[in-house]
Protein backbone atom coordinates (compact mmCIF):
# COMPACT_ATOMS: atom_id res chain seq x y z
CA UNK A 1 155.53 111.31 103.76
CA UNK A 2 158.26 111.83 106.36
CA UNK A 3 155.79 113.22 108.90
CA UNK A 4 153.47 110.28 108.36
CA UNK A 5 156.24 107.71 108.86
CA UNK A 6 157.50 109.54 111.93
CA UNK A 7 153.98 109.67 113.39
CA UNK A 8 153.41 105.96 112.71
CA UNK A 9 156.77 105.06 114.25
CA UNK A 10 156.10 107.04 117.41
CA UNK A 11 152.59 105.61 117.65
CA UNK A 12 153.87 102.04 117.36
CA UNK A 13 156.60 102.73 119.91
CA UNK A 14 154.08 104.15 122.40
CA UNK A 15 151.67 101.26 121.81
CA UNK A 16 154.50 98.80 122.47
CA UNK A 17 155.53 100.54 125.68
CA UNK A 18 151.96 100.85 126.92
CA UNK A 19 150.90 97.34 125.89
CA UNK A 20 150.43 95.98 129.47
CA UNK A 21 147.90 98.72 130.16
CA UNK A 22 146.31 98.72 126.69
CA UNK A 23 145.48 95.02 127.10
CA UNK A 24 142.98 95.93 129.82
CA UNK A 25 140.69 97.73 127.36
CA UNK A 26 137.81 95.58 126.11
CA UNK A 27 138.79 95.81 122.43
CA UNK A 28 138.11 92.43 120.89
CA UNK A 29 135.46 91.60 123.45
CA UNK A 30 132.82 94.17 122.50
CA UNK A 31 129.24 93.27 121.53
CA UNK A 32 129.35 92.61 117.81
CA UNK A 33 132.77 90.94 117.85
CA UNK A 34 132.07 87.46 116.52
CA UNK A 35 133.78 84.22 117.51
CA UNK A 36 133.04 80.97 115.67
CA UNK A 37 134.25 77.49 116.61
CA UNK A 38 133.28 75.25 113.68
CA UNK A 39 135.46 72.34 114.90
CA UNK A 40 137.41 71.58 118.04
CA UNK A 41 140.75 73.32 117.90
CA UNK A 42 139.59 75.83 115.26
CA UNK A 43 138.56 79.33 116.27
CA UNK A 44 137.53 82.09 113.85
CA UNK A 45 137.51 85.59 115.32
CA UNK A 46 135.89 88.56 113.54
CA UNK A 47 136.24 91.77 115.61
CA UNK A 48 133.70 93.80 113.62
CA UNK A 49 132.73 96.30 116.32
CA UNK A 50 136.34 96.81 117.42
CA UNK A 51 137.43 97.48 113.82
CA UNK A 52 134.68 100.08 113.32
CA UNK A 53 135.54 101.78 116.62
CA UNK A 54 139.27 101.92 115.83
CA UNK A 55 138.56 103.18 112.32
CA UNK A 56 136.46 106.04 113.70
CA UNK A 57 139.15 106.87 116.27
CA UNK A 58 141.96 106.92 113.69
CA UNK A 59 139.85 108.99 111.27
CA UNK A 60 139.20 111.54 114.01
CA UNK A 61 142.89 111.70 114.95
CA UNK A 62 143.94 112.16 111.33
CA UNK A 63 141.44 114.99 110.87
CA UNK A 64 142.65 116.71 114.02
CA UNK A 65 146.33 116.52 113.01
CA UNK A 66 145.79 117.67 109.43
CA UNK A 67 144.23 120.99 110.43
């Protein structure tokens, strides 16, 4: 549990420090990410492709670090 919390803390710290550069990646704007505007001023955003891609990436990282 301690290793997991330490890993998550370091990951969040690095993501925060690298945020200006991470914002340039097209996550959230991939084909398959849905945006609905049912009314003016209302926007519904469903990043389906981005969620699947991040899930695969995190699963791969977890497998690599557990072995």
